[in-house]
Amino acid sequence: MGESQHLEGLRRQRRKLTREAHTSYQVLSNAIAKSDEEKFSFSEEDASNELQPHSDVLIITMPVSEINIHRTLVDDGSSVNVLYLRTFRQMEIEVRHVRPFAKPLQGFTGDYVNPKG
């Protein structure tokens, strides 16, 4: 009996975490950045309602030059800024305006890619 109660408790917890994982927030801002780099950050207080530790995915979609960018980098201080060629095309930025970058980048899978810029 104890094991079945434990398993049911785990199922309930998994369902609760799944519901919480599908929670979304919309942050709208028309503020103009005071510097060249606009920062959007979270504090420890923002995480106060979250169960810790967690492995929730943070998905951000943001408008840039009237195009919705769906693959937004969340910089933890050791990442590179990546924009895909399709994004440049949607923003009507010609490839000739992209500055070359000579070093290959290593992805999460361990594969290397040679960026255009």
N, C-alpha and C. Protein backbone atom coordinates (compact mmCIF):
# COMPACT_ATOMS: atom_id res chain seq x y z
N MET A 1 0.83 -1.20 0.00
CA MET A 1 0.00 0.00 0.00
C MET A 1 0.87 1.26 0.00
N GLY A 2 1.96 1.26 0.77
CA GLY A 2 2.82 2.43 0.84
C GLY A 2 3.44 2.79 -0.49
N GLU A 3 3.85 1.78 -1.26
CA GLU A 3 4.47 2.03 -2.56
C GLU A 3 3.47 2.63 -3.55
N SER A 4 2.24 2.13 -3.54
CA SER A 4 1.23 2.67 -4.47
C SER A 4 0.89 4.12 -4.13
N GLN A 5 0.86 4.45 -2.83
CA GLN A 5 0.62 5.84 -2.43
C GLN A 5 1.77 6.72 -2.88
N HIS A 6 2.99 6.21 -2.76
CA HIS A 6 4.17 6.96 -3.19
C HIS A 6 4.11 7.22 -4.70
N LEU A 7 3.76 6.18 -5.48
CA LEU A 7 3.68 6.34 -6.94
C LEU A 7 2.58 7.32 -7.33
N GLU A 8 1.44 7.27 -6.64
CA GLU A 8 0.35 8.21 -6.93
C GLU A 8 0.79 9.63 -6.59
N GLY A 9 1.53 9.80 -5.50
CA GLY A 9 2.06 11.11 -5.14
C GLY A 9 3.00 11.64 -6.22
N LEU A 10 3.83 10.77 -6.77
CA LEU A 10 4.73 11.17 -7.85
C LEU A 10 3.96 11.57 -9.09
N ARG A 11 2.89 10.83 -9.41
CA ARG A 11 2.06 11.17 -10.57
C ARG A 11 1.41 12.54 -10.40
N ARG A 12 0.87 12.79 -9.19
CA ARG A 12 0.26 14.09 -8.91
C ARG A 12 1.28 15.21 -9.05
N GLN A 13 2.47 14.98 -8.50
CA GLN A 13 3.52 16.00 -8.58
C GLN A 13 3.91 16.25 -10.04
N ARG A 14 4.02 15.19 -10.84
CA ARG A 14 4.37 15.34 -12.25
C ARG A 14 3.29 16.13 -13.00
N ARG A 15 2.00 15.84 -12.72
CA ARG A 15 0.92 16.58 -13.36
C ARG A 15 0.95 18.05 -12.96
N LYS A 16 1.20 18.31 -11.68
CA LYS A 16 1.28 19.69 -11.19
C LYS A 16 2.42 20.43 -11.87
N LEU A 17 3.58 19.80 -11.96
CA LEU A 17 4.73 20.43 -12.61
C LEU A 17 4.46 20.66 -14.10
N THR A 18 3.76 19.74 -14.73
CA THR A 18 3.42 19.90 -16.15
C THR A 18 2.50 21.09 -16.34
N ARG A 19 1.49 21.23 -15.47
CA ARG A 19 0.59 22.40 -15.56
C ARG A 19 1.37 23.69 -15.37
N GLU A 20 2.27 23.71 -14.38
CA GLU A 20 3.05 24.91 -14.12
C GLU A 20 4.00 25.22 -15.27
N ALA A 21 4.50 24.20 -15.93
CA ALA A 21 5.43 24.40 -17.04
C ALA A 21 4.74 25.07 -18.23
N HIS A 22 3.43 24.91 -18.33
CA HIS A 22 2.71 25.52 -19.44
C HIS A 22 2.21 26.92 -19.11
N THR A 23 2.60 27.46 -17.96
CA THR A 23 2.25 28.81 -17.59
C THR A 23 3.07 29.77 -18.42
N SER A 24 2.45 30.81 -18.94
CA SER A 24 3.21 31.78 -19.72
C SER A 24 2.93 33.18 -19.21
N TYR A 25 3.87 34.05 -19.41
CA TYR A 25 3.76 35.43 -19.02
C TYR A 25 4.04 36.28 -20.24
N GLN A 26 3.36 37.38 -20.35
CA GLN A 26 3.62 38.28 -21.46
C GLN A 26 4.10 39.59 -20.87
N VAL A 27 5.26 40.02 -21.30
CA VAL A 27 5.83 41.28 -20.84
C VAL A 27 5.88 42.20 -22.05
N LEU A 28 5.15 43.28 -21.98
CA LEU A 28 5.14 44.24 -23.08
C LEU A 28 5.90 45.48 -22.65
N SER A 29 6.77 45.95 -23.50
CA SER A 29 7.54 47.13 -23.16
C SER A 29 7.74 47.98 -24.40
N ASN A 30 7.41 49.24 -24.28
CA ASN A 30 7.70 50.19 -25.34
C ASN A 30 8.82 51.13 -24.90
N ALA A 31 9.46 50.77 -23.80
CA ALA A 31 10.52 51.61 -23.27
C ALA A 31 11.70 51.63 -24.23
N ILE A 32 12.33 52.75 -24.33
CA ILE A 32 13.53 52.89 -25.16
C ILE A 32 14.73 52.67 -24.26
N ALA A 33 15.65 51.86 -24.73
CA ALA A 33 16.84 51.55 -23.94
C ALA A 33 17.67 52.81 -23.74
N LYS A 34 18.24 52.93 -22.54
CA LYS A 34 19.09 54.08 -22.24
C LYS A 34 20.51 53.87 -22.75
N SER A 35 20.80 52.67 -23.15
CA SER A 35 22.13 52.38 -23.69
C SER A 35 21.95 51.60 -24.98
N ASP A 36 23.06 51.24 -25.61
CA ASP A 36 22.99 50.45 -26.84
C ASP A 36 22.48 49.05 -26.56
N GLU A 37 22.64 48.58 -25.33
CA GLU A 37 22.24 47.23 -24.97
C GLU A 37 21.06 47.30 -24.02
N GLU A 38 19.89 46.86 -24.47
CA GLU A 38 18.73 46.82 -23.60
C GLU A 38 18.78 45.52 -22.81
N LYS A 39 18.57 45.61 -21.50
CA LYS A 39 18.66 44.43 -20.65
C LYS A 39 17.28 44.05 -20.14
N PHE A 40 17.03 42.77 -20.16
CA PHE A 40 15.81 42.18 -19.63
C PHE A 40 16.28 41.10 -18.69
N SER A 41 16.04 41.26 -17.41
CA SER A 41 16.62 40.31 -16.46
C SER A 41 15.60 39.89 -15.40
N PHE A 42 15.93 38.81 -14.71
CA PHE A 42 15.11 38.28 -13.64
C PHE A 42 15.93 38.30 -12.36
N SER A 43 15.26 38.51 -11.24
CA SER A 43 15.94 38.50 -9.95
C SER A 43 15.53 37.24 -9.17
N GLU A 44 16.15 37.03 -8.03
CA GLU A 44 15.77 35.91 -7.16
C GLU A 44 14.31 36.04 -6.74
N GLU A 45 13.84 37.27 -6.56
CA GLU A 45 12.45 37.51 -6.17
C GLU A 45 11.48 36.99 -7.23
N ASP A 46 11.86 37.11 -8.52
CA ASP A 46 11.01 36.61 -9.60
C ASP A 46 10.83 35.10 -9.52
N ALA A 47 11.81 34.42 -8.98
CA ALA A 47 11.76 32.96 -8.89
C ALA A 47 11.15 32.47 -7.59
N SER A 48 10.66 33.38 -6.75
CA SER A 48 10.17 32.99 -5.43
C SER A 48 8.95 32.06 -5.49
N ASN A 49 8.16 32.11 -6.56
CA ASN A 49 6.99 31.24 -6.68
C ASN A 49 7.29 29.94 -7.40
N GLU A 50 8.52 29.74 -7.81
CA GLU A 50 8.90 28.53 -8.54
C GLU A 50 9.40 27.46 -7.57
N LEU A 51 9.12 26.22 -7.91
CA LEU A 51 9.67 25.12 -7.13
C LEU A 51 11.14 24.97 -7.50
N GLN A 52 11.99 24.94 -6.51
CA GLN A 52 13.43 24.85 -6.76
C GLN A 52 13.96 23.53 -6.24
N PRO A 53 14.91 22.90 -6.82
CA PRO A 53 15.48 23.24 -8.13
C PRO A 53 14.51 22.80 -9.23
N HIS A 54 14.65 23.38 -10.41
CA HIS A 54 13.79 23.02 -11.53
C HIS A 54 14.61 22.98 -12.80
N SER A 55 14.02 22.43 -13.83
CA SER A 55 14.68 22.41 -15.14
C SER A 55 13.69 22.91 -16.19
N ASP A 56 12.92 23.93 -15.81
CA ASP A 56 11.93 24.49 -16.71
C ASP A 56 12.63 25.21 -17.87
N VAL A 57 12.00 25.17 -19.00
CA VAL A 57 12.51 25.85 -20.19
C VAL A 57 11.94 27.25 -20.22
N LEU A 58 12.77 28.22 -20.54
CA LEU A 58 12.32 29.60 -20.69
C LEU A 58 12.26 29.89 -22.19
N ILE A 59 11.07 30.17 -22.68
CA ILE A 59 10.89 30.47 -24.10
C ILE A 59 10.51 31.94 -24.23
N ILE A 60 11.28 32.65 -25.02
CA ILE A 60 11.04 34.08 -25.20
C ILE A 60 10.84 34.35 -26.68
N THR A 61 9.78 35.07 -27.01
CA THR A 61 9.56 35.57 -28.36
C THR A 61 9.51 37.08 -28.24
N MET A 62 10.28 37.77 -29.06
CA MET A 62 10.30 39.22 -28.96
C MET A 62 10.31 39.86 -30.34
N PRO A 63 9.64 41.01 -30.45
CA PRO A 63 9.66 41.71 -31.73
C PRO A 63 10.95 42.52 -31.88
N VAL A 64 11.60 42.36 -33.02
CA VAL A 64 12.79 43.14 -33.36
C VAL A 64 12.57 43.62 -34.79
N SER A 65 12.58 44.92 -34.99
CA SER A 65 12.33 45.50 -36.32
C SER A 65 11.05 44.95 -36.94
N GLU A 66 10.01 44.89 -36.14
CA GLU A 66 8.68 44.43 -36.56
C GLU A 66 8.63 42.96 -36.98
N ILE A 67 9.63 42.18 -36.60
CA ILE A 67 9.67 40.74 -36.86
C ILE A 67 9.67 40.04 -35.51
N ASN A 68 8.83 39.02 -35.33
CA ASN A 68 8.85 38.25 -34.08
C ASN A 68 10.00 37.27 -34.11
N ILE A 69 10.93 37.42 -33.19
CA ILE A 69 12.08 36.53 -33.08
C ILE A 69 11.70 35.45 -32.08
N HIS A 70 11.73 34.19 -32.50
CA HIS A 70 11.31 33.08 -31.65
C HIS A 70 12.48 32.39 -30.97
N ARG A 71 13.68 32.54 -31.49
CA ARG A 71 14.85 31.91 -30.89
C ARG A 71 15.69 33.01 -30.26
N THR A 72 15.34 33.35 -29.05
CA THR A 72 15.98 34.45 -28.35
C THR A 72 17.02 33.90 -27.39
N LEU A 73 18.22 34.44 -27.45
CA LEU A 73 19.30 34.00 -26.58
C LEU A 73 19.07 34.49 -25.16
N VAL A 74 19.19 33.60 -24.22
CA VAL A 74 19.20 33.98 -22.82
C VAL A 74 20.65 33.84 -22.40
N ASP A 75 21.32 34.97 -22.24
CA ASP A 75 22.76 35.00 -22.03
C ASP A 75 23.09 34.78 -20.57
N ASP A 76 23.81 33.71 -20.29
CA ASP A 76 24.26 33.45 -18.92
C ASP A 76 25.69 33.94 -18.72
N GLY A 77 26.19 34.71 -19.67
CA GLY A 77 27.52 35.27 -19.55
C GLY A 77 28.58 34.50 -20.31
N SER A 78 28.25 33.32 -20.81
CA SER A 78 29.26 32.53 -21.52
C SER A 78 28.75 32.05 -22.87
N SER A 79 27.80 32.76 -23.44
CA SER A 79 27.20 32.35 -24.70
C SER A 79 27.55 33.33 -25.81
N VAL A 80 27.16 32.98 -27.01
CA VAL A 80 27.32 33.88 -28.14
C VAL A 80 25.94 34.34 -28.58
N ASN A 81 25.88 35.46 -29.24
CA ASN A 81 24.62 35.96 -29.77
C ASN A 81 24.43 35.38 -31.16
N VAL A 82 23.36 34.64 -31.36
CA VAL A 82 23.11 33.97 -32.64
C VAL A 82 21.81 34.47 -33.25
N LEU A 83 21.89 34.92 -34.49
CA LEU A 83 20.71 35.22 -35.29
C LEU A 83 20.82 34.36 -36.53
N TYR A 84 19.75 33.70 -36.88
CA TYR A 84 19.75 32.83 -38.05
C TYR A 84 19.56 33.66 -39.32
N LEU A 85 20.08 33.14 -40.44
CA LEU A 85 20.01 33.83 -41.72
C LEU A 85 18.57 34.21 -42.07
N ARG A 86 17.63 33.32 -41.78
CA ARG A 86 16.21 33.61 -42.05
C ARG A 86 15.77 34.89 -41.33
N THR A 87 16.28 35.10 -40.11
CA THR A 87 15.93 36.29 -39.35
C THR A 87 16.43 37.54 -40.05
N PHE A 88 17.69 37.50 -40.53
CA PHE A 88 18.22 38.65 -41.26
C PHE A 88 17.37 38.93 -42.50
N ARG A 89 16.98 37.89 -43.20
CA ARG A 89 16.16 38.07 -44.41
C ARG A 89 14.81 38.68 -44.06
N GLN A 90 14.19 38.22 -42.98
CA GLN A 90 12.90 38.77 -42.56
C GLN A 90 13.03 40.24 -42.17
N MET A 91 14.19 40.60 -41.62
CA MET A 91 14.43 41.98 -41.22
C MET A 91 14.91 42.82 -42.40
N GLU A 92 15.02 42.18 -43.58
CA GLU A 92 15.48 42.82 -44.80
C GLU A 92 16.89 43.39 -44.66
N ILE A 93 17.74 42.63 -43.97
CA ILE A 93 19.15 42.98 -43.85
C ILE A 93 19.91 42.07 -44.81
N GLU A 94 20.61 42.67 -45.74
CA GLU A 94 21.33 41.89 -46.73
C GLU A 94 22.55 41.21 -46.10
N VAL A 95 22.86 40.03 -46.60
CA VAL A 95 23.98 39.25 -46.08
C VAL A 95 25.29 40.02 -46.19
N ARG A 96 25.41 40.88 -47.19
CA ARG A 96 26.66 41.64 -47.36
C ARG A 96 26.93 42.59 -46.19
N HIS A 97 25.90 42.87 -45.40
CA HIS A 97 26.07 43.75 -44.23
C HIS A 97 26.48 42.98 -42.97
N VAL A 98 26.53 41.67 -43.06
CA VAL A 98 26.92 40.85 -41.91
C VAL A 98 28.43 40.73 -41.90
N ARG A 99 29.04 41.03 -40.75
CA ARG A 99 30.50 40.95 -40.63
C ARG A 99 30.94 39.51 -40.44
N PRO A 100 31.98 39.07 -41.16
CA PRO A 100 32.46 37.69 -41.04
C PRO A 100 33.00 37.38 -39.65
N PHE A 101 32.85 36.14 -39.26
CA PHE A 101 33.39 35.62 -37.99
C PHE A 101 34.08 34.32 -38.33
N ALA A 102 35.38 34.24 -38.10
CA ALA A 102 36.20 33.15 -38.63
C ALA A 102 36.20 31.87 -37.79
N LYS A 103 35.80 31.92 -36.54
CA LYS A 103 35.90 30.74 -35.68
C LYS A 103 34.62 29.91 -35.71
N PRO A 104 34.75 28.58 -35.74
CA PRO A 104 33.54 27.74 -35.70
C PRO A 104 32.92 27.77 -34.30
N LEU A 105 31.61 27.57 -34.27
CA LEU A 105 30.88 27.51 -33.00
C LEU A 105 30.47 26.08 -32.73
N GLN A 106 30.55 25.69 -31.45
CA GLN A 106 30.16 24.34 -31.07
C GLN A 106 28.76 24.38 -30.48
N GLY A 107 27.87 23.55 -31.02
CA GLY A 107 26.49 23.50 -30.56
C GLY A 107 26.31 22.57 -29.39
N PHE A 108 25.07 22.46 -28.90
CA PHE A 108 24.76 21.60 -27.76
C PHE A 108 25.04 20.14 -28.05
N THR A 109 24.94 19.76 -29.32
CA THR A 109 25.16 18.36 -29.70
C THR A 109 26.64 18.04 -29.87
N GLY A 110 27.49 19.05 -29.79
CA GLY A 110 28.93 18.85 -29.98
C GLY A 110 29.37 19.09 -31.40
N ASP A 111 28.41 19.27 -32.32
CA ASP A 111 28.75 19.56 -33.71
C ASP A 111 29.25 20.99 -33.84
N TYR A 112 30.11 21.20 -34.82
CA TYR A 112 30.63 22.54 -35.10
C TYR A 112 29.96 23.11 -36.33
N VAL A 113 29.69 24.40 -36.30
CA VAL A 113 29.15 25.10 -37.47
C VAL A 113 30.02 26.32 -37.73
N ASN A 114 30.13 26.70 -38.98
CA ASN A 114 30.88 27.89 -39.36
C ASN A 114 29.89 29.02 -39.63
N PRO A 115 29.84 30.01 -38.74
CA PRO A 115 28.87 31.10 -38.91
C PRO A 115 29.26 32.01 -40.07
N LYS A 116 28.27 32.68 -40.62
CA LYS A 116 28.50 33.63 -41.71
C LYS A 116 29.00 34.97 -41.16
N GLY A 117 28.65 35.26 -39.95
CA GLY A 117 29.04 36.55 -39.40
C GLY A 117 28.78 36.61 -37.93
